[in-house]
């Protein structure tokens, strides 16, 4: 597949849809979030569709239980029915986009979701390529861009993911491969099996992206990790990153906060200025906070905003977390400073 090419200046000014793709841990959700923040900073109407949102227009799940019927269909090999449902949702989204006046950014929708679900279910290659061909035909009527964040070293990518998300999450990923129809057929087990599984998926993805008739940028995720790849993505798209400074010293936000039911979270400071939050229900063990306004932050990789409240003497008294409800959890709400 050909390497990335720089679009002409202003090429995104009228784009209806930007699809940010990548295997787990490649940084697709953060990349989509940073792109949305940058475009909003230029007074553009932007909608970021996070892959785990309730009632996502391309996934259609309202509760976690809604996923089970899809898995049943895939295990039973009823691929045509599953593909037909997904194609119908793509068609409806494409119908609405040109008249919406909004640039929609979606992560994990093209190569994620159904594509890697079909791969997981060991679907015939023709079923997978047929699905992508149908979606490509639908997108022919939409001004769209596809960005693929592609790890150069699959094993190293998963090691970084293990560090950030914890051993429990990694164990779940390995179990998912070992129990999958594809994993069982290939005899995959342990970390090495996980790496082989996703290396095989990337080879498949390379061929699938080559079939698209829309603009596609492949951005390597190398030794610099996802941060460097995300910066490169913005550069290739001709988008200026949105940068904010803190309204007050980071240490003023740090501390322990307690929410409903006694749930405690910890806001900490990294290297004297970067803030993060630990222990937040429904999130990774420790998540960076990205400043986006007066004492307001985006929770990195999540469609939630964190707003701090300060008293007249400059002391943090509370924080509120709001945003789209996710399949596994709603935005946690209000936390009050403890002590």
C-alpha atoms as a PDB file:
ATOM      1  CA  UNK A   1       0.000   0.000   0.000  1.00  0.00           C
ATOM      2  CA  UNK A   2       1.311   3.464  -0.809  1.00  0.00           C
ATOM      3  CA  UNK A   3       2.508   5.676   2.003  1.00  0.00           C
ATOM      4  CA  UNK A   4       0.689   8.773   3.205  1.00  0.00           C
ATOM      5  CA  UNK A   5       0.420  11.873   1.072  1.00  0.00           C
ATOM      6  CA  UNK A   6      -0.166  15.410   2.264  1.00  0.00           C
ATOM      7  CA  UNK A   7      -3.574  16.748   1.171  1.00  0.00           C
ATOM      8  CA  UNK A   8      -3.763  20.188  -0.357  1.00  0.00           C
ATOM      9  CA  UNK A   9      -4.156  23.133   2.081  1.00  0.00           C
ATOM     10  CA  UNK A  10      -7.760  23.515   3.180  1.00  0.00           C
ATOM     11  CA  UNK A  11      -8.649  20.037   1.925  1.00  0.00           C
ATOM     12  CA  UNK A  12     -10.671  19.352   5.081  1.00  0.00           C
ATOM     13  CA  UNK A  13     -12.712  22.535   4.964  1.00  0.00           C
ATOM     14  CA  UNK A  14     -15.767  20.796   3.518  1.00  0.00           C
ATOM     15  CA  UNK A  15     -15.218  17.227   4.703  1.00  0.00           C
ATOM     16  CA  UNK A  16     -18.329  15.483   5.958  1.00  0.00           C
ATOM     17  CA  UNK A  17     -16.663  12.469   7.575  1.00  0.00           C
ATOM     18  CA  UNK A  18     -13.214  11.678   8.992  1.00  0.00           C
ATOM     19  CA  UNK A  19     -12.664   8.054  10.004  1.00  0.00           C
ATOM     20  CA  UNK A  20      -9.770   7.422  12.413  1.00  0.00           C
ATOM     21  CA  UNK A  21      -8.777   3.761  12.493  1.00  0.00           C
ATOM     22  CA  UNK A  22      -6.261   1.552  14.266  1.00  0.00           C
ATOM     23  CA  UNK A  23      -5.980  -1.611  16.315  1.00  0.00           C
ATOM     24  CA  UNK A  24      -6.450  -1.381  20.116  1.00  0.00           C
ATOM     25  CA  UNK A  25      -3.781   0.825  21.656  1.00  0.00           C
ATOM     26  CA  UNK A  26      -2.806   2.612  18.450  1.00  0.00           C
ATOM     27  CA  UNK A  27      -4.308   5.832  19.809  1.00  0.00           C
ATOM     28  CA  UNK A  28      -7.302   6.190  17.499  1.00  0.00           C
ATOM     29  CA  UNK A  29      -9.702   7.589  20.142  1.00  0.00           C
ATOM     30  CA  UNK A  30      -7.196  10.159  21.365  1.00  0.00           C
ATOM     31  CA  UNK A  31      -6.339  11.093  17.778  1.00  0.00           C
ATOM     32  CA  UNK A  32     -10.027  11.589  16.975  1.00  0.00           C
ATOM     33  CA  UNK A  33     -10.448  13.675  20.130  1.00  0.00           C
ATOM     34  CA  UNK A  34      -7.437  15.891  19.374  1.00  0.00           C
ATOM     35  CA  UNK A  35      -8.639  16.379  15.804  1.00  0.00           C
ATOM     36  CA  UNK A  36     -12.117  17.353  17.028  1.00  0.00           C
ATOM     37  CA  UNK A  37     -10.672  19.831  19.537  1.00  0.00           C
ATOM     38  CA  UNK A  38      -8.432  21.373  16.874  1.00  0.00           C
ATOM     39  CA  UNK A  39     -11.267  21.800  14.393  1.00  0.00           C
ATOM     40  CA  UNK A  40     -13.597  23.218  17.039  1.00  0.00           C
ATOM     41  CA  UNK A  41     -10.918  25.757  17.793  1.00  0.00           C
ATOM     42  CA  UNK A  42     -11.363  27.065  14.246  1.00  0.00           C
ATOM     43  CA  UNK A  43     -15.092  27.641  14.864  1.00  0.00           C
ATOM     44  CA  UNK A  44     -16.158  24.555  12.957  1.00  0.00           C
ATOM     45  CA  UNK A  45     -19.246  22.499  13.783  1.00  0.00           C
ATOM     46  CA  UNK A  46     -17.757  19.139  14.760  1.00  0.00           C
ATOM     47  CA  UNK A  47     -19.178  15.929  16.168  1.00  0.00           C
ATOM     48  CA  UNK A  48     -16.886  13.237  17.561  1.00  0.00           C
ATOM     49  CA  UNK A  49     -18.540   9.815  17.613  1.00  0.00           C
ATOM     50  CA  UNK A  50     -16.670   7.860  20.272  1.00  0.00           C
ATOM     51  CA  UNK A  51     -16.727   4.137  19.548  1.00  0.00           C
ATOM     52  CA  UNK A  52     -18.326   3.128  22.880  1.00  0.00           C
ATOM     53  CA  UNK A  53     -21.117   5.722  22.963  1.00  0.00           C
ATOM     54  CA  UNK A  54     -24.664   4.559  23.661  1.00  0.00           C
ATOM     55  CA  UNK A  55     -26.766   4.506  20.469  1.00  0.00           C
ATOM     56  CA  UNK A  56     -23.777   5.113  18.227  1.00  0.00           C
ATOM     57  CA  UNK A  57     -25.286   5.512  14.715  1.00  0.00           C
ATOM     58  CA  UNK A  58     -22.970   2.891  13.212  1.00  0.00           C
ATOM     59  CA  UNK A  59     -23.001   0.397  16.101  1.00  0.00           C
ATOM     60  CA  UNK A  60     -26.558   0.822  17.357  1.00  0.00           C
ATOM     61  CA  UNK A  61     -26.025  -0.644  20.845  1.00  0.00           C
ATOM     62  CA  UNK A  62     -28.116   0.833  23.680  1.00  0.00           C
ATOM     63  CA  UNK A  63     -26.874  -1.447  26.488  1.00  0.00           C
ATOM     64  CA  UNK A  64     -23.944  -3.884  26.862  1.00  0.00           C
ATOM     65  CA  UNK A  65     -26.469  -6.729  26.549  1.00  0.00           C
ATOM     66  CA  UNK A  66     -27.200  -5.636  22.982  1.00  0.00           C
ATOM     67  CA  UNK A  67     -23.774  -6.914  21.951  1.00  0.00           C
ATOM     68  CA  UNK A  68     -24.592 -10.547  22.776  1.00  0.00           C
ATOM     69  CA  UNK A  69     -26.941 -11.157  19.795  1.00  0.00           C
ATOM     70  CA  UNK A  70     -24.239  -9.912  17.424  1.00  0.00           C
ATOM     71  CA  UNK A  71     -21.699 -12.315  18.921  1.00  0.00           C
ATOM     72  CA  UNK A  72     -24.225 -15.157  18.633  1.00  0.00           C
ATOM     73  CA  UNK A  73     -24.800 -14.377  14.966  1.00  0.00           C
ATOM     74  CA  UNK A  74     -21.068 -14.236  14.284  1.00  0.00           C
ATOM     75  CA  UNK A  75     -20.348 -17.513  16.104  1.00  0.00           C
ATOM     76  CA  UNK A  76     -23.149 -19.141  14.109  1.00  0.00           C
ATOM     77  CA  UNK A  77     -21.572 -17.968  10.863  1.00  0.00           C
ATOM     78  CA  UNK A  78     -24.555 -15.820   9.852  1.00  0.00           C
ATOM     79  CA  UNK A  79     -22.266 -13.204   8.351  1.00  0.00           C
ATOM     80  CA  UNK A  80     -24.618 -11.999   5.618  1.00  0.00           C
ATOM     81  CA  UNK A  81     -27.234 -10.908   8.168  1.00  0.00           C
ATOM     82  CA  UNK A  82     -24.683  -9.093  10.311  1.00  0.00           C
ATOM     83  CA  UNK A  83     -23.145  -7.322   7.323  1.00  0.00           C
ATOM     84  CA  UNK A  84     -26.552  -6.283   6.007  1.00  0.00           C
ATOM     85  CA  UNK A  85     -27.405  -4.586   9.310  1.00  0.00           C
ATOM     86  CA  UNK A  86     -24.116  -2.712   9.419  1.00  0.00           C
ATOM     87  CA  UNK A  87     -24.347  -1.626   5.780  1.00  0.00           C
ATOM     88  CA  UNK A  88     -27.817  -0.242   6.435  1.00  0.00           C
ATOM     89  CA  UNK A  89     -26.452   1.940   9.235  1.00  0.00           C
ATOM     90  CA  UNK A  90     -23.602   3.181   7.032  1.00  0.00           C
ATOM     91  CA  UNK A  91     -26.126   4.050   4.339  1.00  0.00           C
ATOM     92  CA  UNK A  92     -28.285   6.026   6.755  1.00  0.00           C
ATOM     93  CA  UNK A  93     -25.297   7.939   8.140  1.00  0.00           C
ATOM     94  CA  UNK A  94     -24.090   8.783   4.628  1.00  0.00           C
ATOM     95  CA  UNK A  95     -27.559  10.011   3.707  1.00  0.00           C
ATOM     96  CA  UNK A  96     -27.609  12.519   6.575  1.00  0.00           C
ATOM     97  CA  UNK A  97     -24.023  13.783   6.495  1.00  0.00           C
ATOM     98  CA  UNK A  98     -24.000  16.098   3.435  1.00  0.00           C
ATOM     99  CA  UNK A  99     -26.919  18.172   4.739  1.00  0.00           C
ATOM    100  CA  UNK A 100     -25.935  18.222   8.416  1.00  0.00           C
ATOM    101  CA  UNK A 101     -23.435  21.082   8.192  1.00  0.00           C
ATOM    102  CA  UNK A 102     -21.273  19.175  10.678  1.00  0.00           C
ATOM    103  CA  UNK A 103     -17.919  17.458  10.265  1.00  0.00           C
ATOM    104  CA  UNK A 104     -18.305  14.018  11.849  1.00  0.00           C
ATOM    105  CA  UNK A 105     -15.201  12.341  13.272  1.00  0.00           C
ATOM    106  CA  UNK A 106     -15.590   8.656  14.115  1.00  0.00           C
ATOM    107  CA  UNK A 107     -12.996   6.280  15.537  1.00  0.00           C
ATOM    108  CA  UNK A 108     -12.892   2.521  15.135  1.00  0.00           C
ATOM    109  CA  UNK A 109     -15.846   2.273  12.758  1.00  0.00           C
ATOM    110  CA  UNK A 110     -14.349   1.080   9.476  1.00  0.00           C
ATOM    111  CA  UNK A 111     -11.538  -1.307  10.437  1.00  0.00           C
ATOM    112  CA  UNK A 112     -12.819  -1.682  13.989  1.00  0.00           C
ATOM    113  CA  UNK A 113     -16.295  -2.817  14.982  1.00  0.00           C
ATOM    114  CA  UNK A 114     -17.572  -5.160  12.307  1.00  0.00           C
ATOM    115  CA  UNK A 115     -14.340  -5.611  10.349  1.00  0.00           C
ATOM    116  CA  UNK A 116     -12.344  -6.926  13.265  1.00  0.00           C
ATOM    117  CA  UNK A 117     -15.445  -8.719  14.564  1.00  0.00           C
ATOM    118  CA  UNK A 118     -15.645 -10.631  11.281  1.00  0.00           C
ATOM    119  CA  UNK A 119     -11.922 -11.365  11.564  1.00  0.00           C
ATOM    120  CA  UNK A 120     -12.442 -12.547  15.174  1.00  0.00           C
ATOM    121  CA  UNK A 121     -15.239 -14.861  13.984  1.00  0.00           C
ATOM    122  CA  UNK A 122     -12.973 -16.328  11.284  1.00  0.00           C
ATOM    123  CA  UNK A 123     -15.315 -15.169   8.540  1.00  0.00           C
ATOM    124  CA  UNK A 124     -14.297 -15.997   4.950  1.00  0.00           C
ATOM    125  CA  UNK A 125     -12.058 -13.341   3.470  1.00  0.00           C
ATOM    126  CA  UNK A 126     -14.674 -12.739   0.784  1.00  0.00           C
ATOM    127  CA  UNK A 127     -17.225 -11.767   3.464  1.00  0.00           C
ATOM    128  CA  UNK A 128     -14.836  -9.182   4.919  1.00  0.00           C
ATOM    129  CA  UNK A 129     -13.748  -7.694   1.604  1.00  0.00           C
ATOM    130  CA  UNK A 130     -17.356  -7.690   0.423  1.00  0.00           C
ATOM    131  CA  UNK A 131     -18.369  -5.676   3.476  1.00  0.00           C
ATOM    132  CA  UNK A 132     -15.601  -3.101   2.911  1.00  0.00           C
ATOM    133  CA  UNK A 133     -16.483  -2.870  -0.774  1.00  0.00           C
ATOM    134  CA  UNK A 134     -20.095  -2.085   0.099  1.00  0.00           C
ATOM    135  CA  UNK A 135     -19.047   0.593   2.585  1.00  0.00           C
ATOM    136  CA  UNK A 136     -16.623   2.057   0.045  1.00  0.00           C
ATOM    137  CA  UNK A 137     -19.453   2.345  -2.437  1.00  0.00           C
ATOM    138  CA  UNK A 138     -21.606   4.141   0.133  1.00  0.00           C
ATOM    139  CA  UNK A 139     -18.788   6.545   1.025  1.00  0.00           C
ATOM    140  CA  UNK A 140     -18.352   7.449  -2.638  1.00  0.00           C
ATOM    141  CA  UNK A 141     -21.140   9.982  -2.138  1.00  0.00           C
ATOM    142  CA  UNK A 142     -19.510  11.496   0.964  1.00  0.00           C
ATOM    143  CA  UNK A 143     -16.522  13.848   1.228  1.00  0.00           C
ATOM    144  CA  UNK A 144     -14.565  11.568   3.528  1.00  0.00           C
ATOM    145  CA  UNK A 145     -11.033  10.913   4.765  1.00  0.00           C
ATOM    146  CA  UNK A 146      -9.698   7.702   6.326  1.00  0.00           C
ATOM    147  CA  UNK A 147      -6.721   7.829   8.692  1.00  0.00           C
ATOM    148  CA  UNK A 148      -5.089   4.552   9.702  1.00  0.00           C
ATOM    149  CA  UNK A 149      -2.739   4.675  12.697  1.00  0.00           C
ATOM    150  CA  UNK A 150      -0.612   1.613  11.986  1.00  0.00           C
ATOM    151  CA  UNK A 151       1.843   0.249  14.585  1.00  0.00           C
ATOM    152  CA  UNK A 152       5.250  -0.602  13.179  1.00  0.00           C
ATOM    153  CA  UNK A 153       5.884  -3.094  16.016  1.00  0.00           C
ATOM    154  CA  UNK A 154       2.759  -4.938  17.195  1.00  0.00           C
ATOM    155  CA  UNK A 155       4.419  -6.493  20.258  1.00  0.00           C
ATOM    156  CA  UNK A 156       5.769  -3.141  21.462  1.00  0.00           C
ATOM    157  CA  UNK A 157       2.377  -1.527  20.904  1.00  0.00           C
ATOM    158  CA  UNK A 158       0.734  -4.096  23.176  1.00  0.00           C
ATOM    159  CA  UNK A 159       3.442  -3.686  25.825  1.00  0.00           C
ATOM    160  CA  UNK A 160       2.734   0.051  25.951  1.00  0.00           C
ATOM    161  CA  UNK A 161      -0.951  -0.743  26.232  1.00  0.00           C
ATOM    162  CA  UNK A 162      -0.289  -3.147  29.094  1.00  0.00           C
ATOM    163  CA  UNK A 163       1.553  -0.378  30.961  1.00  0.00           C
ATOM    164  CA  UNK A 164      -1.305   2.095  30.566  1.00  0.00           C
ATOM    165  CA  UNK A 165      -4.358  -0.134  31.015  1.00  0.00           C
ATOM    166  CA  UNK A 166      -3.153  -2.751  33.472  1.00  0.00           C
ATOM    167  CA  UNK A 167      -2.649  -6.510  33.605  1.00  0.00           C
ATOM    168  CA  UNK A 168      -6.362  -7.248  33.969  1.00  0.00           C
ATOM    169  CA  UNK A 169      -7.170  -5.572  30.667  1.00  0.00           C
ATOM    170  CA  UNK A 170      -4.323  -7.400  28.932  1.00  0.00           C
ATOM    171  CA  UNK A 171      -5.531 -10.734  30.303  1.00  0.00           C
ATOM    172  CA  UNK A 172      -8.962 -10.014  28.878  1.00  0.00           C
ATOM    173  CA  UNK A 173      -7.471  -9.227  25.459  1.00  0.00           C
ATOM    174  CA  UNK A 174      -5.512 -12.491  25.452  1.00  0.00           C
ATOM    175  CA  UNK A 175      -8.591 -14.457  26.548  1.00  0.00           C
ATOM    176  CA  UNK A 176     -10.583 -12.871  23.729  1.00  0.00           C
ATOM    177  CA  UNK A 177      -8.057 -14.109  21.174  1.00  0.00           C
ATOM    178  CA  UNK A 178      -7.710 -17.581  22.701  1.00  0.00           C
ATOM    179  CA  UNK A 179     -11.491 -18.095  22.737  1.00  0.00           C
ATOM    180  CA  UNK A 180     -12.166 -16.614  19.323  1.00  0.00           C
ATOM    181  CA  UNK A 181     -12.981 -18.877  16.367  1.00  0.00           C
ATOM    182  CA  UNK A 182      -9.967 -17.440  14.507  1.00  0.00           C
ATOM    183  CA  UNK A 183      -7.640 -17.874  17.475  1.00  0.00           C
ATOM    184  CA  UNK A 184      -8.711 -21.458  18.041  1.00  0.00           C
ATOM    185  CA  UNK A 185      -8.226 -22.374  14.410  1.00  0.00           C
ATOM    186  CA  UNK A 186      -4.721 -20.857  14.431  1.00  0.00           C
ATOM    187  CA  UNK A 187      -3.840 -22.335  17.829  1.00  0.00           C
ATOM    188  CA  UNK A 188      -3.043 -18.928  19.337  1.00  0.00           C
ATOM    189  CA  UNK A 189      -2.227 -18.614  23.036  1.00  0.00           C
ATOM    190  CA  UNK A 190      -0.675 -16.134  25.440  1.00  0.00           C
ATOM    191  CA  UNK A 191       1.009 -12.866  24.571  1.00  0.00           C
ATOM    192  CA  UNK A 192       2.685 -14.337  21.492  1.00  0.00           C
ATOM    193  CA  UNK A 193      -0.704 -15.470  20.222  1.00  0.00           C
ATOM    194  CA  UNK A 194      -2.135 -12.006  20.816  1.00  0.00           C
ATOM    195  CA  UNK A 195       0.686 -10.454  18.774  1.00  0.00           C
ATOM    196  CA  UNK A 196       0.271 -12.961  15.927  1.00  0.00           C
ATOM    197  CA  UNK A 197      -3.476 -12.355  15.857  1.00  0.00           C
ATOM    198  CA  UNK A 198      -3.188  -8.583  15.511  1.00  0.00           C
ATOM    199  CA  UNK A 199      -0.237  -8.775  13.116  1.00  0.00           C
ATOM    200  CA  UNK A 200      -2.475 -10.878  10.891  1.00  0.00           C
ATOM    201  CA  UNK A 201      -5.249  -8.319  11.188  1.00  0.00           C
ATOM    202  CA  UNK A 202      -2.906  -5.515  10.120  1.00  0.00           C
ATOM    203  CA  UNK A 203      -1.955  -7.462   7.010  1.00  0.00           C
ATOM    204  CA  UNK A 204      -5.650  -7.840   6.259  1.00  0.00           C
ATOM    205  CA  UNK A 205      -6.247  -4.129   6.917  1.00  0.00           C
ATOM    206  CA  UNK A 206      -3.521  -3.122   4.466  1.00  0.00           C
ATOM    207  CA  UNK A 207      -5.327  -4.944   1.690  1.00  0.00           C
ATOM    208  CA  UNK A 208      -8.736  -3.637   2.707  1.00  0.00           C
ATOM    209  CA  UNK A 209      -7.627  -0.013   2.734  1.00  0.00           C
ATOM    210  CA  UNK A 210      -6.169  -0.492  -0.713  1.00  0.00           C
ATOM    211  CA  UNK A 211      -9.702  -1.209  -1.954  1.00  0.00           C
ATOM    212  CA  UNK A 212     -11.124   2.113  -0.780  1.00  0.00           C
ATOM    213  CA  UNK A 213     -11.907   4.726  -3.385  1.00  0.00           C
ATOM    214  CA  UNK A 214     -11.575   7.576  -0.901  1.00  0.00           C
ATOM    215  CA  UNK A 215      -8.577   9.500   0.394  1.00  0.00           C
ATOM    216  CA  UNK A 216      -6.651   7.374   2.885  1.00  0.00           C
ATOM    217  CA  UNK A 217      -3.661   8.360   5.026  1.00  0.00           C
ATOM    218  CA  UNK A 218      -1.519   5.708   6.699  1.00  0.00           C
ATOM    219  CA  UNK A 219       0.332   7.093   9.725  1.00  0.00           C
ATOM    220  CA  UNK A 220       2.988   4.816  11.265  1.00  0.00           C
ATOM    221  CA  UNK A 221       2.973   4.462  15.051  1.00  0.00           C
ATOM    222  CA  UNK A 222       6.668   3.951  15.801  1.00  0.00           C
ATOM    223  CA  UNK A 223       9.068   4.205  18.703  1.00  0.00           C
ATOM    224  CA  UNK A 224       7.708   7.648  19.584  1.00  0.00           C
ATOM    225  CA  UNK A 225       4.385   6.030  20.408  1.00  0.00           C
ATOM    226  CA  UNK A 226       0.924   7.348  19.803  1.00  0.00           C
ATOM    227  CA  UNK A 227       1.724  10.980  20.712  1.00  0.00           C
ATOM    228  CA  UNK A 228       4.155  11.307  17.807  1.00  0.00           C
ATOM    229  CA  UNK A 229       1.719   9.566  15.458  1.00  0.00           C
ATOM    230  CA  UNK A 230      -1.127  11.871  16.464  1.00  0.00           C
ATOM    231  CA  UNK A 231       1.017  14.936  15.848  1.00  0.00           C
ATOM    232  CA  UNK A 232       1.984  13.527  12.451  1.00  0.00           C
ATOM    233  CA  UNK A 233      -1.689  12.893  11.639  1.00  0.00           C
ATOM    234  CA  UNK A 234      -2.605  16.519  12.309  1.00  0.00           C
ATOM    235  CA  UNK A 235       0.341  17.664  10.203  1.00  0.00           C
ATOM    236  CA  UNK A 236      -0.674  15.462   7.275  1.00  0.00           C
ATOM    237  CA  UNK A 237      -4.240  16.713   7.481  1.00  0.00           C
ATOM    238  CA  UNK A 238      -3.052  20.317   7.575  1.00  0.00           C
ATOM    239  CA  UNK A 239      -4.703  20.936  10.951  1.00  0.00           C
ATOM    240  CA  UNK A 240      -3.106  23.149  13.606  1.00  0.00           C
ATOM    241  CA  UNK A 241      -3.188  21.543  17.071  1.00  0.00           C
ATOM    242  CA  UNK A 242      -5.239  23.392  19.651  1.00  0.00           C
ATOM    243  CA  UNK A 243      -3.044  24.411  22.560  1.00  0.00           C
ATOM    244  CA  UNK A 244      -4.122  25.811  25.913  1.00  0.00           C
ATOM    245  CA  UNK A 245      -2.289  26.837  29.035  1.00  0.00           C
ATOM    246  CA  UNK A 246      -3.574  26.202  32.529  1.00  0.00           C
ATOM    247  CA  UNK A 247      -5.592  28.976  34.159  1.00  0.00           C
ATOM    248  CA  UNK A 248      -3.745  28.418  37.442  1.00  0.00           C
ATOM    249  CA  UNK A 249      -0.864  26.208  38.666  1.00  0.00           C
ATOM    250  CA  UNK A 250      -1.583  22.515  38.153  1.00  0.00           C
ATOM    251  CA  UNK A 251      -0.952  21.784  41.812  1.00  0.00           C
ATOM    252  CA  UNK A 252      -4.031  23.867  42.709  1.00  0.00           C
ATOM    253  CA  UNK A 253      -6.221  21.212  41.062  1.00  0.00           C
ATOM    254  CA  UNK A 254      -4.497  18.226  42.647  1.00  0.00           C
ATOM    255  CA  UNK A 255      -6.044  16.331  45.501  1.00  0.00           C
ATOM    256  CA  UNK A 256      -8.545  13.685  46.536  1.00  0.00           C
ATOM    257  CA  UNK A 257     -12.183  14.049  45.469  1.00  0.00           C
ATOM    258  CA  UNK A 258     -15.145  11.942  46.570  1.00  0.00           C
ATOM    259  CA  UNK A 259     -18.241  11.270  44.490  1.00  0.00           C
ATOM    260  CA  UNK A 260     -21.586   9.548  44.864  1.00  0.00           C
ATOM    261  CA  UNK A 261     -21.462   6.380  46.923  1.00  0.00           C
ATOM    262  CA  UNK A 262     -18.108   7.322  48.416  1.00  0.00           C
ATOM    263  CA  UNK A 263     -16.145   6.676  45.217  1.00  0.00           C
ATOM    264  CA  UNK A 264     -12.783   8.439  45.576  1.00  0.00           C
ATOM    265  CA  UNK A 265     -10.564   9.659  42.758  1.00  0.00           C
ATOM    266  CA  UNK A 266      -7.155  11.290  42.852  1.00  0.00           C
ATOM    267  CA  UNK A 267      -6.109  14.227  40.686  1.00  0.00           C
ATOM    268  CA  UNK A 268      -2.323  14.286  40.424  1.00  0.00           C
ATOM    269  CA  UNK A 269       0.444  16.295  38.802  1.00  0.00           C
ATOM    270  CA  UNK A 270       3.060  14.846  36.449  1.00  0.00           C
ATOM    271  CA  UNK A 271       6.382  16.623  35.885  1.00  0.00           C
ATOM    272  CA  UNK A 272       5.153  19.736  37.653  1.00  0.00           C
ATOM    273  CA  UNK A 273       2.448  20.774  35.189  1.00  0.00           C
ATOM    274  CA  UNK A 274       0.541  17.901  33.527  1.00  0.00           C
ATOM    275  CA  UNK A 275      -2.602  16.770  35.322  1.00  0.00           C
ATOM    276  CA  UNK A 276      -4.124  13.306  35.414  1.00  0.00           C
ATOM    277  CA  UNK A 277      -6.909  11.541  37.265  1.00  0.00           C
ATOM    278  CA  UNK A 278      -6.678   8.076  38.835  1.00  0.00           C
ATOM    279  CA  UNK A 279      -9.426   5.746  40.005  1.00  0.00           C
ATOM    280  CA  UNK A 280     -12.191   7.174  37.834  1.00  0.00           C
ATOM    281  CA  UNK A 281     -15.002   4.635  37.324  1.00  0.00           C
ATOM    282  CA  UNK A 282     -15.318   3.487  33.734  1.00  0.00           C
ATOM    283  CA  UNK A 283     -11.881   4.770  32.696  1.00  0.00           C
ATOM    284  CA  UNK A 284      -8.304   3.506  32.492  1.00  0.00           C
ATOM    285  CA  UNK A 285      -6.346   3.394  35.795  1.00  0.00           C
ATOM    286  CA  UNK A 286      -4.797   6.826  35.176  1.00  0.00           C
ATOM    287  CA  UNK A 287      -5.984   9.256  32.493  1.00  0.00           C
ATOM    288  CA  UNK A 288      -4.375  12.582  31.456  1.00  0.00           C
ATOM    289  CA  UNK A 289      -6.416  15.783  31.537  1.00  0.00           C
ATOM    290  CA  UNK A 290      -6.127  18.060  28.497  1.00  0.00           C
ATOM    291  CA  UNK A 291      -6.772  21.765  29.220  1.00  0.00           C
ATOM    292  CA  UNK A 292      -9.450  23.181  26.887  1.00  0.00           C
ATOM    293  CA  UNK A 293     -10.859  26.219  28.736  1.00  0.00           C
ATOM    294  CA  UNK A 294     -11.036  28.053  32.037  1.00  0.00           C
ATOM    295  CA  UNK A 295     -10.449  25.309  34.608  1.00  0.00           C
ATOM    296  CA  UNK A 296     -11.976  22.894  32.090  1.00  0.00           C
ATOM    297  CA  UNK A 297     -10.295  19.787  30.728  1.00  0.00           C
ATOM    298  CA  UNK A 298     -10.981  17.011  28.249  1.00  0.00           C
ATOM    299  CA  UNK A 299     -10.470  13.533  29.655  1.00  0.00           C
ATOM    300  CA  UNK A 300      -7.969  12.078  27.203  1.00  0.00           C
ATOM    301  CA  UNK A 301      -9.489   9.408  24.931  1.00  0.00           C
ATOM    302  CA  UNK A 302     -12.982   9.809  26.445  1.00  0.00           C
ATOM    303  CA  UNK A 303     -15.894  12.043  25.337  1.00  0.00           C
ATOM    304  CA  UNK A 304     -16.104  13.604  28.806  1.00  0.00           C
ATOM    305  CA  UNK A 305     -15.166  17.046  30.107  1.00  0.00           C
ATOM    306  CA  UNK A 306     -13.888  17.791  33.598  1.00  0.00           C
ATOM    307  CA  UNK A 307     -14.706  21.202  35.090  1.00  0.00           C
ATOM    308  CA  UNK A 308     -13.168  22.330  38.391  1.00  0.00           C
ATOM    309  CA  UNK A 309     -14.868  24.690  40.838  1.00  0.00           C
ATOM    310  CA  UNK A 310     -12.752  27.071  42.920  1.00  0.00           C
ATOM    311  CA  UNK A 311     -13.740  29.258  45.842  1.00  0.00           C
ATOM    312  CA  UNK A 312     -12.918  32.967  46.165  1.00  0.00           C
ATOM    313  CA  UNK A 313      -9.549  32.155  47.722  1.00  0.00           C
ATOM    314  CA  UNK A 314      -8.413  29.956  44.831  1.00  0.00           C
ATOM    315  CA  UNK A 315      -9.011  26.611  46.520  1.00  0.00           C
ATOM    316  CA  UNK A 316     -10.483  23.765  44.480  1.00  0.00           C
ATOM    317  CA  UNK A 317     -13.769  22.661  46.049  1.00  0.00           C
ATOM    318  CA  UNK A 318     -15.182  20.203  43.512  1.00  0.00           C
ATOM    319  CA  UNK A 319     -15.069  18.897  39.969  1.00  0.00           C
ATOM    320  CA  UNK A 320     -17.836  17.837  37.597  1.00  0.00           C
ATOM    321  CA  UNK A 321     -17.474  15.242  34.843  1.00  0.00           C
ATOM    322  CA  UNK A 322     -20.050  15.392  32.052  1.00  0.00           C
ATOM    323  CA  UNK A 323     -20.425  13.998  28.556  1.00  0.00           C
ATOM    324  CA  UNK A 324     -21.918  11.237  26.456  1.00  0.00           C
ATOM    325  CA  UNK A 325     -23.091   8.068  28.241  1.00  0.00           C
ATOM    326  CA  UNK A 326     -21.049   4.986  27.348  1.00  0.00           C
ATOM    327  CA  UNK A 327     -22.154   1.386  27.106  1.00  0.00           C
ATOM    328  CA  UNK A 328     -20.409   0.418  30.319  1.00  0.00           C
ATOM    329  CA  UNK A 329     -20.933   3.613  32.318  1.00  0.00           C
ATOM    330  CA  UNK A 330     -22.378   7.113  32.280  1.00  0.00           C
ATOM    331  CA  UNK A 331     -20.277  10.210  32.938  1.00  0.00           C
ATOM    332  CA  UNK A 332     -19.540  10.005  36.680  1.00  0.00           C
ATOM    333  CA  UNK A 333     -20.919  13.410  37.699  1.00  0.00           C
ATOM    334  CA  UNK A 334     -19.810  15.504  40.693  1.00  0.00           C
ATOM    335  CA  UNK A 335     -16.869  14.900  43.053  1.00  0.00           C
ATOM    336  CA  UNK A 336     -16.247  17.051  46.125  1.00  0.00           C
ATOM    337  CA  UNK A 337     -12.781  17.868  47.426  1.00  0.00           C
ATOM    338  CA  UNK A 338     -11.898  15.795  50.488  1.00  0.00           C
ATOM    339  CA  UNK A 339      -9.885  17.559  53.150  1.00  0.00           C
END
